[in-house]
Amino acid sequence: MNNSVDILKILPHRFPFLLVDKVLEYKEGESLKALKNVSYNDYFFMGHFPDKPIMPGVLIVEALAQSAGILLYLTYGKNKDPREYLAYLAGVNNFKFRRPVLPGDNLILEVKIKQAVRGVFKLDTKGIVDDKIVAEGEITIVLGE
């Protein structure tokens, strides 16, 4: 499970809102590392900002949440139909944006399960470009069917 075709089988997101291109590493019940190839052709650069393109922070958070959805599906939902298994972003806490993400960057998305209680998951997340943290914080995901 490491390419965009496999990701499309798990996530309900489609262009232009699918923000994960590849899974790089996966440890069941623990963590996942994924990749978003940031391209000047990404739709959001048309308006954010035309003369100085920067990936919006909210979309970095969304890419991390999508990575968390993949991790949780692979850990807890493998035996379920992905069309009936959704991971909902329920909270964003203590996010810091440290550097801009620009066209041409390879955004590494790291998510680690911190807490799991009755279908509610808290995950520590990091976005990394060139071995430097560009964003980090905690997200809460609720699993629903």
N, C-alpha and C. Protein backbone atom coordinates (compact mmCIF):
# COMPACT_ATOMS: atom_id res chain seq x y z
N MET A 1 0.87 -1.18 0.00
CA MET A 1 0.00 0.00 0.00
C MET A 1 0.90 1.22 0.00
N ASN A 2 1.25 1.67 -1.17
CA ASN A 2 2.11 2.84 -1.15
C ASN A 2 1.91 3.79 -2.33
N ASN A 3 0.92 3.56 -3.16
CA ASN A 3 0.76 4.49 -4.27
C ASN A 3 -0.62 5.12 -4.29
N SER A 4 -0.79 6.06 -5.20
CA SER A 4 -2.04 6.84 -5.21
C SER A 4 -3.26 5.99 -5.56
N VAL A 5 -3.09 4.92 -6.33
CA VAL A 5 -4.23 4.05 -6.64
C VAL A 5 -4.72 3.37 -5.36
N ASP A 6 -3.79 2.90 -4.54
CA ASP A 6 -4.17 2.29 -3.27
C ASP A 6 -4.82 3.32 -2.34
N ILE A 7 -4.30 4.53 -2.33
CA ILE A 7 -4.85 5.59 -1.48
C ILE A 7 -6.29 5.89 -1.88
N LEU A 8 -6.56 5.90 -3.18
CA LEU A 8 -7.92 6.16 -3.67
C LEU A 8 -8.90 5.09 -3.22
N LYS A 9 -8.41 3.89 -2.92
CA LYS A 9 -9.29 2.83 -2.43
C LYS A 9 -9.68 3.05 -0.98
N ILE A 10 -8.89 3.84 -0.25
CA ILE A 10 -9.14 4.06 1.17
C ILE A 10 -9.83 5.39 1.44
N LEU A 11 -9.28 6.48 0.91
CA LEU A 11 -9.83 7.81 1.19
C LEU A 11 -10.97 8.15 0.24
N PRO A 12 -11.99 8.84 0.73
CA PRO A 12 -13.08 9.27 -0.15
C PRO A 12 -12.72 10.53 -0.94
N HIS A 13 -11.64 11.18 -0.60
CA HIS A 13 -11.23 12.43 -1.25
C HIS A 13 -10.82 12.19 -2.70
N ARG A 14 -11.11 13.18 -3.54
CA ARG A 14 -10.71 13.14 -4.94
C ARG A 14 -10.19 14.52 -5.33
N PHE A 15 -9.61 14.59 -6.53
CA PHE A 15 -9.14 15.87 -7.03
C PHE A 15 -10.28 16.87 -6.97
N PRO A 16 -10.03 18.08 -6.50
CA PRO A 16 -8.73 18.65 -6.16
C PRO A 16 -8.38 18.56 -4.67
N PHE A 17 -9.08 17.71 -3.92
CA PHE A 17 -8.89 17.74 -2.47
C PHE A 17 -8.10 16.56 -1.93
N LEU A 18 -7.66 15.65 -2.77
CA LEU A 18 -6.80 14.57 -2.30
C LEU A 18 -5.39 15.13 -2.16
N LEU A 19 -4.84 15.09 -0.94
CA LEU A 19 -3.57 15.75 -0.66
C LEU A 19 -2.47 14.79 -0.21
N VAL A 20 -2.65 13.51 -0.45
CA VAL A 20 -1.63 12.51 -0.12
C VAL A 20 -1.32 11.75 -1.41
N ASP A 21 -0.04 11.73 -1.79
CA ASP A 21 0.36 11.07 -3.03
C ASP A 21 0.89 9.65 -2.82
N LYS A 22 1.52 9.42 -1.67
CA LYS A 22 2.17 8.12 -1.48
C LYS A 22 2.39 7.85 0.00
N VAL A 23 2.23 6.60 0.40
CA VAL A 23 2.59 6.18 1.76
C VAL A 23 4.02 5.67 1.72
N LEU A 24 4.85 6.21 2.58
CA LEU A 24 6.26 5.85 2.62
C LEU A 24 6.57 4.78 3.67
N GLU A 25 5.92 4.90 4.84
CA GLU A 25 6.14 3.96 5.94
C GLU A 25 4.83 3.79 6.70
N TYR A 26 4.67 2.61 7.28
CA TYR A 26 3.47 2.34 8.06
C TYR A 26 3.80 1.33 9.15
N LYS A 27 3.43 1.67 10.38
CA LYS A 27 3.54 0.76 11.51
C LYS A 27 2.15 0.63 12.11
N GLU A 28 1.57 -0.56 11.97
CA GLU A 28 0.19 -0.78 12.38
C GLU A 28 -0.03 -0.37 13.84
N GLY A 29 -1.08 0.43 14.03
CA GLY A 29 -1.45 0.87 15.37
C GLY A 29 -0.54 1.94 15.95
N GLU A 30 0.44 2.39 15.18
CA GLU A 30 1.40 3.36 15.71
C GLU A 30 1.53 4.62 14.86
N SER A 31 2.03 4.45 13.62
CA SER A 31 2.41 5.64 12.86
C SER A 31 2.35 5.39 11.36
N LEU A 32 2.38 6.50 10.64
CA LEU A 32 2.41 6.46 9.19
C LEU A 32 3.18 7.67 8.70
N LYS A 33 3.95 7.47 7.64
CA LYS A 33 4.66 8.57 6.99
C LYS A 33 4.22 8.57 5.53
N ALA A 34 3.78 9.73 5.05
CA ALA A 34 3.28 9.85 3.68
C ALA A 34 3.93 11.03 2.99
N LEU A 35 3.63 11.19 1.71
CA LEU A 35 4.24 12.23 0.90
C LEU A 35 3.17 13.00 0.12
N LYS A 36 3.32 14.31 0.11
CA LYS A 36 2.56 15.19 -0.79
C LYS A 36 3.58 15.92 -1.64
N ASN A 37 3.58 15.63 -2.94
CA ASN A 37 4.44 16.37 -3.86
C ASN A 37 3.75 17.69 -4.16
N VAL A 38 4.33 18.76 -3.71
CA VAL A 38 3.73 20.08 -3.89
C VAL A 38 4.17 20.63 -5.25
N SER A 39 3.19 20.90 -6.10
CA SER A 39 3.47 21.34 -7.47
C SER A 39 2.89 22.72 -7.72
N TYR A 40 3.58 23.48 -8.55
CA TYR A 40 3.05 24.80 -8.92
C TYR A 40 1.69 24.65 -9.58
N ASN A 41 1.37 23.48 -10.10
CA ASN A 41 0.08 23.24 -10.74
C ASN A 41 -1.04 22.97 -9.73
N ASP A 42 -0.73 22.84 -8.44
CA ASP A 42 -1.79 22.65 -7.44
C ASP A 42 -2.74 23.85 -7.49
N TYR A 43 -4.03 23.53 -7.46
CA TYR A 43 -5.07 24.55 -7.68
C TYR A 43 -4.99 25.73 -6.71
N PHE A 44 -4.57 25.49 -5.48
CA PHE A 44 -4.61 26.55 -4.46
C PHE A 44 -3.59 27.66 -4.71
N PHE A 45 -2.57 27.40 -5.53
CA PHE A 45 -1.58 28.44 -5.79
C PHE A 45 -2.12 29.54 -6.70
N MET A 46 -3.24 29.30 -7.39
CA MET A 46 -3.83 30.34 -8.23
C MET A 46 -4.24 31.56 -7.39
N GLY A 47 -4.63 31.32 -6.14
CA GLY A 47 -5.09 32.43 -5.32
C GLY A 47 -4.31 32.61 -4.03
N HIS A 48 -3.32 31.76 -3.77
CA HIS A 48 -2.59 31.81 -2.48
C HIS A 48 -1.10 31.65 -2.69
N PHE A 49 -0.40 32.52 -3.03
CA PHE A 49 -0.70 33.83 -3.60
C PHE A 49 -0.09 33.86 -4.99
N PRO A 50 -0.72 34.46 -5.99
CA PRO A 50 -0.22 34.37 -7.36
C PRO A 50 1.24 34.80 -7.54
N ASP A 51 1.66 35.83 -6.85
CA ASP A 51 3.04 36.31 -7.01
C ASP A 51 4.01 35.71 -6.01
N LYS A 52 3.52 35.05 -4.98
CA LYS A 52 4.37 34.39 -3.99
C LYS A 52 3.62 33.16 -3.50
N PRO A 53 3.65 32.07 -4.27
CA PRO A 53 2.84 30.89 -3.92
C PRO A 53 3.30 30.22 -2.63
N ILE A 54 2.36 30.04 -1.72
CA ILE A 54 2.59 29.37 -0.44
C ILE A 54 1.41 28.42 -0.20
N MET A 55 1.70 27.19 0.19
CA MET A 55 0.63 26.24 0.49
C MET A 55 -0.10 26.70 1.74
N PRO A 56 -1.42 26.84 1.69
CA PRO A 56 -2.17 27.28 2.87
C PRO A 56 -2.00 26.31 4.05
N GLY A 57 -1.82 26.87 5.23
CA GLY A 57 -1.66 26.06 6.44
C GLY A 57 -2.82 25.12 6.67
N VAL A 58 -4.02 25.55 6.37
CA VAL A 58 -5.19 24.70 6.58
C VAL A 58 -5.12 23.46 5.69
N LEU A 59 -4.49 23.56 4.52
CA LEU A 59 -4.36 22.40 3.65
C LEU A 59 -3.23 21.48 4.11
N ILE A 60 -2.24 22.02 4.79
CA ILE A 60 -1.22 21.17 5.41
C ILE A 60 -1.88 20.34 6.51
N VAL A 61 -2.73 20.98 7.31
CA VAL A 61 -3.47 20.25 8.35
C VAL A 61 -4.35 19.19 7.70
N GLU A 62 -5.04 19.52 6.62
CA GLU A 62 -5.89 18.55 5.93
C GLU A 62 -5.08 17.38 5.40
N ALA A 63 -3.90 17.64 4.84
CA ALA A 63 -3.04 16.55 4.35
C ALA A 63 -2.63 15.63 5.51
N LEU A 64 -2.35 16.21 6.66
CA LEU A 64 -2.02 15.40 7.84
C LEU A 64 -3.23 14.60 8.31
N ALA A 65 -4.41 15.21 8.26
CA ALA A 65 -5.64 14.50 8.65
C ALA A 65 -5.93 13.35 7.69
N GLN A 66 -5.70 13.55 6.39
CA GLN A 66 -5.89 12.47 5.43
C GLN A 66 -4.90 11.33 5.70
N SER A 67 -3.67 11.68 6.05
CA SER A 67 -2.67 10.67 6.41
C SER A 67 -3.12 9.89 7.64
N ALA A 68 -3.69 10.60 8.61
CA ALA A 68 -4.23 9.93 9.80
C ALA A 68 -5.37 9.00 9.43
N GLY A 69 -6.21 9.41 8.51
CA GLY A 69 -7.30 8.56 8.05
C GLY A 69 -6.79 7.27 7.43
N ILE A 70 -5.72 7.35 6.67
CA ILE A 70 -5.12 6.15 6.08
C ILE A 70 -4.59 5.25 7.18
N LEU A 71 -3.84 5.82 8.13
CA LEU A 71 -3.31 5.04 9.25
C LEU A 71 -4.42 4.32 10.01
N LEU A 72 -5.47 5.04 10.33
CA LEU A 72 -6.55 4.44 11.11
C LEU A 72 -7.30 3.38 10.32
N TYR A 73 -7.50 3.61 9.03
CA TYR A 73 -8.16 2.58 8.22
C TYR A 73 -7.30 1.32 8.15
N LEU A 74 -6.01 1.48 7.89
CA LEU A 74 -5.13 0.31 7.79
C LEU A 74 -5.03 -0.44 9.11
N THR A 75 -5.19 0.28 10.22
CA THR A 75 -5.09 -0.35 11.53
C THR A 75 -6.42 -0.95 11.98
N TYR A 76 -7.52 -0.21 11.81
CA TYR A 76 -8.79 -0.62 12.40
C TYR A 76 -9.88 -0.97 11.39
N GLY A 77 -9.69 -0.65 10.13
CA GLY A 77 -10.78 -0.83 9.19
C GLY A 77 -10.51 -1.75 8.03
N LYS A 78 -9.41 -2.46 8.06
CA LYS A 78 -9.01 -3.28 6.91
C LYS A 78 -10.08 -4.26 6.45
N ASN A 79 -10.89 -4.74 7.37
CA ASN A 79 -11.92 -5.72 7.00
C ASN A 79 -13.25 -5.07 6.65
N LYS A 80 -13.25 -3.75 6.54
CA LYS A 80 -14.50 -3.05 6.23
C LYS A 80 -14.40 -2.42 4.85
N ASP A 81 -15.55 -2.18 4.27
CA ASP A 81 -15.60 -1.49 2.98
C ASP A 81 -15.22 -0.03 3.21
N PRO A 82 -14.17 0.45 2.55
CA PRO A 82 -13.74 1.83 2.78
C PRO A 82 -14.81 2.87 2.46
N ARG A 83 -15.77 2.51 1.59
CA ARG A 83 -16.84 3.46 1.27
C ARG A 83 -17.78 3.67 2.45
N GLU A 84 -17.73 2.76 3.40
CA GLU A 84 -18.60 2.86 4.58
C GLU A 84 -17.81 3.17 5.83
N TYR A 85 -16.56 3.53 5.68
CA TYR A 85 -15.68 3.75 6.82
C TYR A 85 -15.01 5.10 6.65
N LEU A 86 -15.38 6.06 7.48
CA LEU A 86 -14.84 7.41 7.33
C LEU A 86 -14.15 7.88 8.60
N ALA A 87 -13.10 8.62 8.40
CA ALA A 87 -12.39 9.26 9.51
C ALA A 87 -12.67 10.76 9.41
N TYR A 88 -13.28 11.32 10.44
CA TYR A 88 -13.66 12.73 10.45
C TYR A 88 -12.69 13.54 11.30
N LEU A 89 -12.24 14.65 10.78
CA LEU A 89 -11.41 15.56 11.56
C LEU A 89 -12.30 16.23 12.59
N ALA A 90 -11.97 16.04 13.86
CA ALA A 90 -12.83 16.56 14.94
C ALA A 90 -12.15 17.64 15.77
N GLY A 91 -10.84 17.79 15.64
CA GLY A 91 -10.17 18.81 16.43
C GLY A 91 -8.76 19.06 15.94
N VAL A 92 -8.32 20.30 16.14
CA VAL A 92 -6.97 20.73 15.78
C VAL A 92 -6.45 21.51 16.98
N ASN A 93 -5.34 21.06 17.55
CA ASN A 93 -4.83 21.69 18.77
C ASN A 93 -3.35 22.03 18.65
N ASN A 94 -3.01 23.20 19.15
CA ASN A 94 -1.61 23.63 19.29
C ASN A 94 -0.80 23.51 18.01
N PHE A 95 -1.37 23.92 16.90
CA PHE A 95 -0.62 23.86 15.65
C PHE A 95 0.30 25.06 15.52
N LYS A 96 1.49 24.79 15.05
CA LYS A 96 2.48 25.83 14.76
C LYS A 96 2.92 25.64 13.32
N PHE A 97 3.02 26.73 12.61
CA PHE A 97 3.52 26.73 11.24
C PHE A 97 4.87 27.44 11.27
N ARG A 98 5.92 26.70 10.97
CA ARG A 98 7.29 27.17 11.19
C ARG A 98 7.96 27.71 9.94
N ARG A 99 7.59 27.19 8.78
CA ARG A 99 8.20 27.60 7.51
C ARG A 99 7.15 27.47 6.41
N PRO A 100 7.27 28.25 5.34
CA PRO A 100 6.32 28.10 4.24
C PRO A 100 6.60 26.83 3.44
N VAL A 101 5.54 26.28 2.86
CA VAL A 101 5.64 25.16 1.93
C VAL A 101 5.40 25.73 0.54
N LEU A 102 6.36 25.47 -0.35
CA LEU A 102 6.40 26.12 -1.66
C LEU A 102 6.30 25.11 -2.79
N PRO A 103 5.95 25.59 -3.99
CA PRO A 103 5.94 24.68 -5.14
C PRO A 103 7.32 24.02 -5.29
N GLY A 104 7.30 22.72 -5.60
CA GLY A 104 8.53 21.97 -5.75
C GLY A 104 8.94 21.23 -4.48
N ASP A 105 8.32 21.57 -3.34
CA ASP A 105 8.65 20.89 -2.09
C ASP A 105 8.06 19.49 -2.06
N ASN A 106 8.77 18.59 -1.39
CA ASN A 106 8.24 17.27 -1.05
C ASN A 106 7.85 17.35 0.41
N LEU A 107 6.56 17.44 0.67
CA LEU A 107 6.04 17.56 2.02
C LEU A 107 5.85 16.17 2.61
N ILE A 108 6.65 15.86 3.63
CA ILE A 108 6.54 14.59 4.34
C ILE A 108 5.52 14.78 5.45
N LEU A 109 4.56 13.86 5.52
CA LEU A 109 3.46 13.94 6.48
C LEU A 109 3.63 12.80 7.48
N GLU A 110 3.90 13.14 8.74
CA GLU A 110 4.09 12.13 9.77
C GLU A 110 2.96 12.22 10.78
N VAL A 111 2.32 11.07 11.05
CA VAL A 111 1.25 11.00 12.04
C VAL A 111 1.52 9.83 12.98
N LYS A 112 1.32 10.08 14.28
CA LYS A 112 1.53 9.05 15.29
C LYS A 112 0.36 9.05 16.26
N ILE A 113 -0.20 7.86 16.49
CA ILE A 113 -1.32 7.74 17.43
C ILE A 113 -0.79 7.99 18.84
N LYS A 114 -1.43 8.93 19.51
CA LYS A 114 -1.05 9.29 20.87
C LYS A 114 -2.03 8.71 21.89
N GLN A 115 -3.32 8.72 21.52
CA GLN A 115 -4.36 8.26 22.43
C GLN A 115 -5.53 7.72 21.61
N ALA A 116 -6.11 6.62 22.09
CA ALA A 116 -7.27 6.03 21.42
C ALA A 116 -8.30 5.65 22.48
N VAL A 117 -9.49 6.27 22.40
CA VAL A 117 -10.56 5.97 23.35
C VAL A 117 -11.87 5.90 22.58
N ARG A 118 -12.45 4.70 22.49
CA ARG A 118 -13.76 4.45 21.88
C ARG A 118 -13.98 5.18 20.55
N GLY A 119 -13.11 4.96 19.62
CA GLY A 119 -13.29 5.54 18.29
C GLY A 119 -12.86 6.98 18.15
N VAL A 120 -12.27 7.55 19.19
CA VAL A 120 -11.74 8.92 19.13
C VAL A 120 -10.22 8.81 19.29
N PHE A 121 -9.51 9.40 18.35
CA PHE A 121 -8.05 9.27 18.32
C PHE A 121 -7.39 10.64 18.33
N LYS A 122 -6.40 10.78 19.18
CA LYS A 122 -5.54 11.96 19.17
C LYS A 122 -4.22 11.54 18.55
N LEU A 123 -3.74 12.35 17.62
CA LEU A 123 -2.50 12.03 16.92
C LEU A 123 -1.56 13.22 16.95
N ASP A 124 -0.29 12.93 17.18
CA ASP A 124 0.75 13.94 17.01
C ASP A 124 1.13 13.94 15.54
N THR A 125 1.23 15.13 14.96
CA THR A 125 1.50 15.22 13.53
C THR A 125 2.63 16.21 13.26
N LYS A 126 3.33 15.96 12.16
CA LYS A 126 4.38 16.87 11.71
C LYS A 126 4.39 16.89 10.19
N GLY A 127 4.58 18.08 9.64
CA GLY A 127 4.88 18.25 8.23
C GLY A 127 6.35 18.62 8.13
N ILE A 128 7.07 17.97 7.23
CA ILE A 128 8.52 18.15 7.14
C ILE A 128 8.91 18.37 5.68
N VAL A 129 9.77 19.35 5.45
CA VAL A 129 10.36 19.59 4.13
C VAL A 129 11.87 19.73 4.33
N ASP A 130 12.62 18.98 3.56
CA ASP A 130 14.09 19.02 3.64
C ASP A 130 14.59 18.84 5.07
N ASP A 131 14.01 17.88 5.78
CA ASP A 131 14.40 17.55 7.16
C ASP A 131 14.13 18.68 8.16
N LYS A 132 13.31 19.64 7.78
CA LYS A 132 12.94 20.74 8.68
C LYS A 132 11.43 20.70 8.92
N ILE A 133 11.03 20.85 10.17
CA ILE A 133 9.61 20.86 10.49
C ILE A 133 8.99 22.15 9.96
N VAL A 134 7.94 22.00 9.16
CA VAL A 134 7.24 23.17 8.63
C VAL A 134 5.93 23.41 9.38
N ALA A 135 5.38 22.34 9.97
CA ALA A 135 4.14 22.46 10.74
C ALA A 135 4.08 21.28 11.71
N GLU A 136 3.48 21.53 12.88
CA GLU A 136 3.30 20.44 13.84
C GLU A 136 2.16 20.80 14.78
N GLY A 137 1.51 19.76 15.26
CA GLY A 137 0.41 19.94 16.19
C GLY A 137 -0.33 18.64 16.39
N GLU A 138 -1.40 18.72 17.16
CA GLU A 138 -2.22 17.54 17.47
C GLU A 138 -3.54 17.64 16.73
N ILE A 139 -3.97 16.52 16.18
CA ILE A 139 -5.30 16.48 15.59
C ILE A 139 -6.11 15.38 16.27
N THR A 140 -7.41 15.56 16.26
CA THR A 140 -8.33 14.55 16.78
C THR A 140 -9.16 14.05 15.61
N ILE A 141 -9.24 12.72 15.52
CA ILE A 141 -10.01 12.08 14.46
C ILE A 141 -11.06 11.18 15.13
N VAL A 142 -12.28 11.24 14.60
CA VAL A 142 -13.36 10.36 15.06
C VAL A 142 -13.68 9.42 13.91
N LEU A 143 -13.76 8.14 14.23
CA LEU A 143 -14.12 7.16 13.21
C LEU A 143 -15.63 7.00 13.17
N GLY A 144 -16.15 6.99 11.96
CA GLY A 144 -17.59 6.81 11.79
C GLY A 144 -17.86 5.90 10.61
N GLU A 145 -19.06 5.37 10.57
CA GLU A 145 -19.44 4.49 9.46
C GLU A 145 -20.65 5.07 8.76
